[in-house]
Amino acid sequence: MRYSIRRSAASPSPKNGKMTPNSNTPPPGATNNNHHNNNMANGYFGQTASFLTSAAGYMRLPALASTGIVAILTSLLYFKQKALIYPSHMPPNSRTDIPRPTQFGIKDFEELVIPTDDGEKLSAYYIRGPRGGKNSDITILMFHGNAGNIGHRLPIARVFINMIGCNVFMLEYRGYGASTGEPDEAGLGIDAQTGLNYLRERAETRNHRFVVYGQSLGGAVSIKLVAKNQDRGDIAGLVLENTFLSMRKLIPSVLPPAKYFTLLCHQVWRSESLLPSIDKIPILFLSGLQDEIVPPSHMTQLYKVSTSFSKTWKTFPGGDHNSSVLEEGYFEAISEFIADSLGSSAPITDSKSQ
């Protein structure tokens, strides 16, 4: 398979599902007020707070717009649900106006076009962290929510490379941003696998450890990908933020008039039934308790059904669906999780991709 580059620029985790010391058991309504390593957080947030706020604003737009489709949803749920679930045109011009890493002070990156086996071409950014650092052999695969494009999430990637020192791979779904095609559940699954295969085949990353990170819809994409690939040994961790049990269970919360028509939903995303199969990969659950789109109870239930040998729960009392990334302790939780996961994961082997 050929890939093209558009432009380039230079302590063990708990076992058996126990909580880490800085986490809370997640009964409904639980909170976590631990703010470990605040000084480090303040330093990075001081540099990137405005960027992150901008990113949260981009991600909030589809949630606000969804209230305008309540009246037509029940009649269009079956035939138009892809447009409702995957609003890739939002915010306006998201298919054409794609922020680039240089706009956020990121210099060492590549812009990629990656072909899929079914003929689509996916846009992607590969961003390098500090070369020679302790986490230079770790790459985070980022999967974003159901609107906007990868450029809107660059502020998050910037914190990952600066604070954690890892590399970041941002893959654009089909039908989003500069990628070709039309989005649907099957297609996004192909896209995620294509991205992972690319990293496994790429000389620079074939021996890397991968941490799969998904926000909202991206969490559902991540669960499917990790469930399919956990036996390879190169996935060191799974990070889930504000994701849902299934699309059918989410619909009544987002659009109550459609609660009697959920069986018409053919974009199902069965995360609740799939997550228990992931037992070999550490999982970090990040839940904003003010989430107005995905009820926090969805994240609580996902944590409960998880059978991972190492799972960590972290809540953000002030975090809503799109602003949890702005909450104190967010990136520290991910940094500590990655450090712990690398200590508890088996070493990878250099072999061909599956």
Protein backbone atom coordinates (compact mmCIF):
# COMPACT_ATOMS: atom_id res chain seq x y z
CA MET A 1 0.00 0.00 0.00
CA ARG A 2 1.39 3.43 -0.96
CA TYR A 3 1.05 6.56 1.14
CA SER A 4 1.64 10.12 0.03
CA ILE A 5 2.96 13.06 2.02
CA ARG A 6 1.59 16.46 1.09
CA ARG A 7 4.01 18.57 3.06
CA SER A 8 6.50 18.02 5.82
CA ALA A 9 8.27 20.10 8.45
CA ALA A 10 10.94 19.57 10.36
CA SER A 11 4.39 2.75 39.72
CA PRO A 12 2.48 -0.30 38.20
CA SER A 13 -1.15 0.10 37.16
CA PRO A 14 -3.79 -1.49 39.39
CA LYS A 15 -4.83 -5.03 38.60
CA ASN A 16 -8.27 -6.58 38.47
CA GLY A 17 -10.02 -3.30 37.89
CA LYS A 18 -8.91 -1.58 41.08
CA MET A 19 -8.76 2.18 41.12
CA THR A 20 -5.57 4.20 41.05
CA PRO A 21 -4.86 6.20 44.21
CA ASN A 22 -5.95 9.49 42.62
CA SER A 23 -9.24 8.15 41.31
CA ASN A 24 -12.70 7.77 42.73
CA THR A 25 -15.04 4.80 42.58
CA PRO A 26 -17.66 5.88 40.03
CA PRO A 27 -21.15 5.49 41.46
CA PRO A 28 -23.70 7.82 39.88
CA GLY A 29 -22.94 11.34 41.00
CA ALA A 30 -19.40 10.59 42.13
CA THR A 31 -16.82 13.33 41.83
CA ASN A 32 -13.06 13.53 41.86
CA ASN A 33 -11.49 16.60 43.39
CA ASN A 34 -7.84 15.54 43.17
CA HIS A 35 -5.67 18.08 41.36
CA HIS A 36 -2.27 16.40 41.28
CA ASN A 37 0.69 18.24 39.76
CA ASN A 38 -1.19 21.52 39.42
CA ASN A 39 1.96 23.57 38.86
CA MET A 40 2.83 21.57 35.75
CA ALA A 41 -0.73 21.94 34.48
CA ASN A 42 -0.75 25.68 34.99
CA GLY A 43 2.44 26.05 32.97
CA TYR A 44 1.03 24.31 29.93
CA PHE A 45 -2.44 25.79 30.24
CA GLY A 46 -0.88 29.22 30.47
CA GLN A 47 0.48 28.72 26.95
CA THR A 48 -2.47 26.95 25.35
CA ALA A 49 -5.64 27.95 27.24
CA SER A 50 -6.93 30.16 24.43
CA PHE A 51 -6.26 27.45 21.84
CA LEU A 52 -8.06 24.83 23.92
CA THR A 53 -11.01 27.16 24.50
CA SER A 54 -11.22 27.67 20.76
CA ALA A 55 -11.18 23.91 20.19
CA ALA A 56 -13.95 23.41 22.74
CA GLY A 57 -15.98 26.07 20.96
CA TYR A 58 -15.66 24.28 17.63
CA MET A 59 -16.79 21.02 19.20
CA ARG A 60 -19.78 22.65 20.90
CA LEU A 61 -21.46 23.84 17.70
CA PRO A 62 -23.07 20.53 16.63
CA ALA A 63 -24.52 20.05 20.10
CA LEU A 64 -26.23 23.43 19.95
CA ALA A 65 -27.45 22.88 16.42
CA SER A 66 -28.96 19.50 17.24
CA THR A 67 -31.87 21.15 19.06
CA GLY A 68 -33.08 22.54 15.74
CA ILE A 69 -33.75 19.12 14.22
CA VAL A 70 -36.01 17.70 16.91
CA ALA A 71 -39.18 18.38 14.93
CA ILE A 72 -38.04 16.48 11.87
CA LEU A 73 -36.01 13.71 13.46
CA THR A 74 -38.76 11.15 13.91
CA SER A 75 -39.71 11.23 10.23
CA LEU A 76 -36.14 11.35 8.94
CA LEU A 77 -34.44 9.09 11.48
CA TYR A 78 -34.08 6.14 9.16
CA PHE A 79 -33.33 7.83 5.84
CA LYS A 80 -31.34 10.86 7.04
CA GLN A 81 -29.71 9.58 10.19
CA LYS A 82 -26.21 9.62 8.73
CA ALA A 83 -26.50 13.36 8.17
CA LEU A 84 -27.74 13.77 11.74
CA ILE A 85 -25.14 11.54 13.39
CA TYR A 86 -22.19 12.66 11.25
CA PRO A 87 -22.60 16.45 10.69
CA SER A 88 -19.21 16.78 9.02
CA HIS A 89 -20.17 20.17 7.55
CA MET A 90 -20.39 21.72 11.01
CA PRO A 91 -19.15 24.23 11.95
CA PRO A 92 -19.61 25.88 8.55
CA ASN A 93 -16.77 25.31 6.07
CA SER A 94 -15.35 22.40 8.07
CA ARG A 95 -14.78 20.48 4.85
CA THR A 96 -12.57 23.23 3.43
CA ASP A 97 -11.20 25.36 6.29
CA ILE A 98 -8.83 23.01 8.09
CA PRO A 99 -6.38 24.53 10.58
CA ARG A 100 -2.78 23.44 10.08
CA PRO A 101 -0.24 22.61 12.79
CA THR A 102 1.86 25.68 12.00
CA GLN A 103 -1.03 27.86 13.18
CA PHE A 104 -0.46 26.48 16.68
CA GLY A 105 3.31 26.67 16.70
CA ILE A 106 3.81 23.02 15.74
CA LYS A 107 6.77 22.65 13.39
CA ASP A 108 7.75 18.98 13.22
CA PHE A 109 4.88 17.29 11.40
CA GLU A 110 3.75 15.66 8.19
CA GLU A 111 0.51 16.07 6.28
CA LEU A 112 -0.51 12.70 4.88
CA VAL A 113 -2.99 11.22 2.44
CA ILE A 114 -3.63 7.56 3.28
CA PRO A 115 -5.64 5.28 0.97
CA THR A 116 -8.15 2.78 2.31
CA ASP A 117 -8.77 -0.67 0.87
CA ASP A 118 -12.20 0.45 -0.33
CA GLY A 119 -10.88 3.36 -2.36
CA GLU A 120 -11.13 6.39 -0.08
CA LYS A 121 -8.31 8.83 0.67
CA LEU A 122 -7.91 9.91 4.27
CA SER A 123 -6.27 13.10 5.41
CA ALA A 124 -4.02 12.85 8.46
CA TYR A 125 -1.42 14.69 10.52
CA TYR A 126 1.57 12.93 12.03
CA ILE A 127 3.10 15.21 14.66
CA ARG A 128 6.41 14.39 16.31
CA GLY A 129 7.10 15.02 19.93
CA PRO A 130 10.57 15.96 21.20
CA ARG A 131 13.06 13.64 19.53
CA GLY A 132 15.03 11.43 21.86
CA GLY A 133 12.71 11.99 24.81
CA LYS A 134 11.53 9.25 27.14
CA ASN A 135 8.17 9.03 25.35
CA SER A 136 9.45 9.47 21.80
CA ASP A 137 8.47 5.86 21.04
CA ILE A 138 4.83 6.44 22.02
CA THR A 139 2.22 7.59 19.51
CA ILE A 140 -1.29 8.68 20.44
CA LEU A 141 -3.98 7.90 17.86
CA MET A 142 -6.62 10.63 18.15
CA PHE A 143 -10.22 10.06 17.07
CA HIS A 144 -12.44 13.11 17.34
CA GLY A 145 -16.16 13.62 17.88
CA ASN A 146 -18.92 13.78 15.31
CA ALA A 147 -18.32 17.27 13.92
CA GLY A 148 -15.50 19.53 12.83
CA ASN A 149 -12.17 18.26 11.57
CA ILE A 150 -8.75 17.19 12.83
CA GLY A 151 -7.46 20.75 12.63
CA HIS A 152 -9.92 21.83 15.29
CA ARG A 153 -8.26 19.40 17.73
CA LEU A 154 -4.70 20.56 17.15
CA PRO A 155 -4.63 22.46 20.48
CA ILE A 156 -5.10 19.13 22.26
CA ALA A 157 -2.34 17.52 20.22
CA ARG A 158 -0.07 20.42 21.09
CA VAL A 159 -0.46 19.75 24.80
CA PHE A 160 0.19 16.04 24.26
CA ILE A 161 3.51 16.64 22.52
CA ASN A 162 4.63 19.41 24.90
CA MET A 163 3.51 17.88 28.18
CA ILE A 164 3.78 14.14 27.60
CA GLY A 165 6.51 14.24 24.97
CA CYS A 166 4.86 11.66 22.71
CA ASN A 167 3.96 11.71 19.03
CA VAL A 168 0.39 12.28 17.83
CA PHE A 169 -1.38 10.77 14.82
CA MET A 170 -4.59 12.57 13.87
CA LEU A 171 -6.65 10.66 11.32
CA GLU A 172 -9.56 12.29 9.53
CA TYR A 173 -12.67 10.17 8.99
CA ARG A 174 -14.04 9.67 5.50
CA GLY A 175 -16.41 12.48 4.60
CA TYR A 176 -14.78 14.85 7.09
CA GLY A 177 -12.28 17.61 6.42
CA ALA A 178 -10.16 16.83 3.35
CA SER A 179 -10.93 13.09 3.36
CA THR A 180 -13.03 11.65 0.55
CA GLY A 181 -16.17 9.56 0.88
CA GLU A 182 -19.26 9.58 3.07
CA PRO A 183 -19.22 8.64 6.76
CA ASP A 184 -20.99 5.67 8.26
CA GLU A 185 -20.26 3.16 11.02
CA ALA A 186 -18.68 0.55 8.77
CA GLY A 187 -16.59 3.13 6.95
CA LEU A 188 -15.23 4.74 10.10
CA GLY A 189 -14.21 1.30 11.29
CA ILE A 190 -12.25 0.80 8.07
CA ASP A 191 -10.66 4.22 8.50
CA ALA A 192 -9.50 3.53 12.05
CA GLN A 193 -7.97 0.19 11.06
CA THR A 194 -6.31 1.84 8.07
CA GLY A 195 -4.70 4.40 10.36
CA LEU A 196 -3.40 1.79 12.77
CA ASN A 197 -2.08 -0.35 9.92
CA TYR A 198 -0.27 2.68 8.52
CA LEU A 199 1.53 3.24 11.82
CA ARG A 200 2.39 -0.45 12.06
CA GLU A 201 3.91 -0.40 8.57
CA ARG A 202 5.69 2.96 8.79
CA ALA A 203 9.41 2.51 9.53
CA GLU A 204 9.44 5.34 12.06
CA THR A 205 6.54 3.98 14.11
CA ARG A 206 6.42 0.22 13.59
CA ASN A 207 8.05 -0.39 16.98
CA HIS A 208 6.09 2.28 18.81
CA ARG A 209 3.56 1.73 21.57
CA PHE A 210 0.16 3.14 20.66
CA VAL A 211 -2.35 4.83 22.94
CA VAL A 212 -5.80 5.10 21.36
CA TYR A 213 -7.68 8.25 22.44
CA GLY A 214 -11.32 8.88 21.55
CA GLN A 215 -13.71 11.69 22.36
CA SER A 216 -17.48 11.13 22.13
CA LEU A 217 -18.07 9.37 18.77
CA GLY A 218 -14.31 8.90 18.64
CA GLY A 219 -14.61 6.81 21.79
CA ALA A 220 -16.93 4.41 19.99
CA VAL A 221 -14.50 4.27 17.07
CA SER A 222 -11.65 3.58 19.51
CA ILE A 223 -13.48 0.78 21.30
CA LYS A 224 -14.12 -1.07 18.03
CA LEU A 225 -10.51 -0.64 16.95
CA VAL A 226 -8.95 -1.80 20.21
CA ALA A 227 -11.31 -4.76 20.57
CA LYS A 228 -10.17 -5.98 17.16
CA ASN A 229 -6.45 -5.37 17.72
CA GLN A 230 -5.70 -5.96 21.41
CA ASP A 231 -3.93 -9.29 20.88
CA ARG A 232 -1.11 -7.79 18.80
CA GLY A 233 0.56 -6.29 21.90
CA ASP A 234 1.40 -2.85 20.50
CA ILE A 235 -1.59 -1.01 21.99
CA ALA A 236 -0.53 0.24 25.41
CA GLY A 237 -3.74 1.94 26.46
CA LEU A 238 -7.24 3.17 25.61
CA VAL A 239 -8.51 6.60 26.68
CA LEU A 240 -12.26 7.27 26.51
CA GLU A 241 -13.77 10.70 27.05
CA ASN A 242 -17.52 11.34 27.30
CA THR A 243 -18.57 8.52 25.02
CA PHE A 244 -21.87 6.63 24.92
CA LEU A 245 -23.21 3.12 25.48
CA SER A 246 -24.73 2.89 22.01
CA MET A 247 -26.34 5.29 19.57
CA ARG A 248 -29.74 3.76 20.25
CA LYS A 249 -29.37 4.41 23.97
CA LEU A 250 -28.09 7.93 23.37
CA ILE A 251 -30.91 9.10 21.11
CA PRO A 252 -33.57 9.43 23.87
CA SER A 253 -31.25 11.72 25.84
CA VAL A 254 -30.27 13.95 22.95
CA LEU A 255 -33.61 14.01 21.13
CA PRO A 256 -36.44 12.80 23.40
CA PRO A 257 -39.16 12.83 20.69
CA ALA A 258 -37.26 10.07 18.91
CA LYS A 259 -37.13 7.69 21.88
CA TYR A 260 -39.90 5.52 20.43
CA PHE A 261 -38.09 5.14 17.12
CA THR A 262 -34.62 4.06 18.23
CA LEU A 263 -34.93 0.69 16.50
CA LEU A 264 -34.85 2.60 13.22
CA CYS A 265 -31.29 3.62 13.99
CA HIS A 266 -28.94 1.51 11.85
CA GLN A 267 -25.79 3.38 12.96
CA VAL A 268 -25.70 1.50 16.25
CA TRP A 269 -22.17 1.67 17.70
CA ARG A 270 -22.62 -1.07 20.32
CA SER A 271 -19.90 0.07 22.72
CA GLU A 272 -21.61 -1.34 25.80
CA SER A 273 -21.61 -4.87 24.42
CA LEU A 274 -18.17 -4.60 22.79
CA LEU A 275 -16.16 -3.03 25.61
CA PRO A 276 -16.20 -6.13 27.88
CA SER A 277 -14.17 -7.98 25.24
CA ILE A 278 -11.24 -5.63 25.88
CA ASP A 279 -9.52 -7.30 28.82
CA LYS A 280 -5.84 -7.04 27.86
CA ILE A 281 -5.57 -3.24 27.48
CA PRO A 282 -5.54 -0.65 30.30
CA ILE A 283 -8.43 1.82 29.99
CA LEU A 284 -8.78 5.39 31.27
CA PHE A 285 -12.33 6.75 31.60
CA LEU A 286 -12.64 10.57 31.56
CA SER A 287 -16.13 11.77 32.48
CA GLY A 288 -17.42 15.35 32.53
CA LEU A 289 -20.18 15.40 35.12
CA GLN A 290 -21.93 18.36 33.46
CA ASP A 291 -22.15 16.61 30.08
CA GLU A 292 -25.33 17.86 28.46
CA ILE A 293 -25.17 15.53 25.43
CA VAL A 294 -24.02 12.13 26.69
CA PRO A 295 -25.41 11.53 30.19
CA PRO A 296 -22.55 10.80 32.62
CA SER A 297 -24.38 7.59 33.48
CA HIS A 298 -23.23 6.22 30.10
CA MET A 299 -19.59 6.56 31.11
CA THR A 300 -20.35 5.10 34.53
CA GLN A 301 -21.97 2.06 32.93
CA LEU A 302 -19.10 1.61 30.49
CA TYR A 303 -16.70 1.58 33.42
CA LYS A 304 -18.83 -1.01 35.20
CA VAL A 305 -19.02 -3.39 32.23
CA SER A 306 -15.31 -3.10 31.47
CA THR A 307 -13.33 -6.26 32.21
CA SER A 308 -9.92 -4.67 31.66
CA PHE A 309 -7.24 -5.90 34.05
CA SER A 310 -6.42 -2.22 34.70
CA LYS A 311 -9.03 0.52 34.53
CA THR A 312 -8.90 4.06 35.87
CA TRP A 313 -11.79 6.43 36.54
CA LYS A 314 -11.44 10.22 36.49
CA THR A 315 -14.26 12.73 36.78
CA PHE A 316 -14.39 16.45 36.08
CA PRO A 317 -17.15 18.09 38.15
CA GLY A 318 -17.28 21.19 35.93
CA GLY A 319 -16.72 19.49 32.59
CA ASP A 320 -19.50 19.39 30.00
CA HIS A 321 -19.50 17.38 26.79
CA ASN A 322 -16.91 19.48 25.01
CA SER A 323 -15.11 21.39 27.76
CA SER A 324 -13.80 18.53 29.89
CA VAL A 325 -10.46 19.00 28.13
CA LEU A 326 -10.25 22.42 29.80
CA GLU A 327 -10.69 21.05 33.30
CA GLU A 328 -7.85 21.00 35.80
CA GLY A 329 -6.13 17.63 35.95
CA TYR A 330 -7.28 16.45 32.51
CA PHE A 331 -3.88 16.12 30.87
CA GLU A 332 -2.20 15.03 34.10
CA ALA A 333 -4.61 12.09 34.25
CA ILE A 334 -3.66 11.06 30.72
CA SER A 335 0.06 11.53 31.37
CA GLU A 336 -0.03 9.41 34.53
CA PHE A 337 -2.16 6.78 32.80
CA ILE A 338 0.33 6.46 29.95
CA ALA A 339 3.24 6.15 32.37
CA ASP A 340 1.42 3.45 34.35
CA SER A 341 0.21 1.62 31.24
CA LEU A 342 3.69 1.35 29.78
CA GLY A 343 4.79 -0.25 33.01
CA SER A 344 2.01 -2.85 32.91
CA SER A 345 1.87 -3.71 29.20
CA ALA A 346 3.76 -6.56 27.57
CA PRO A 347 6.59 -5.58 25.19
CA ILE A 348 5.71 -5.50 21.51
CA THR A 349 7.33 -7.54 18.77
CA ASP A 350 8.44 -6.35 15.36
CA SER A 351 6.13 -8.10 12.93
CA LYS A 352 3.99 -7.40 9.89
CA SER A 353 0.62 -5.71 10.37
CA GLN A 354 -2.44 -7.90 10.45
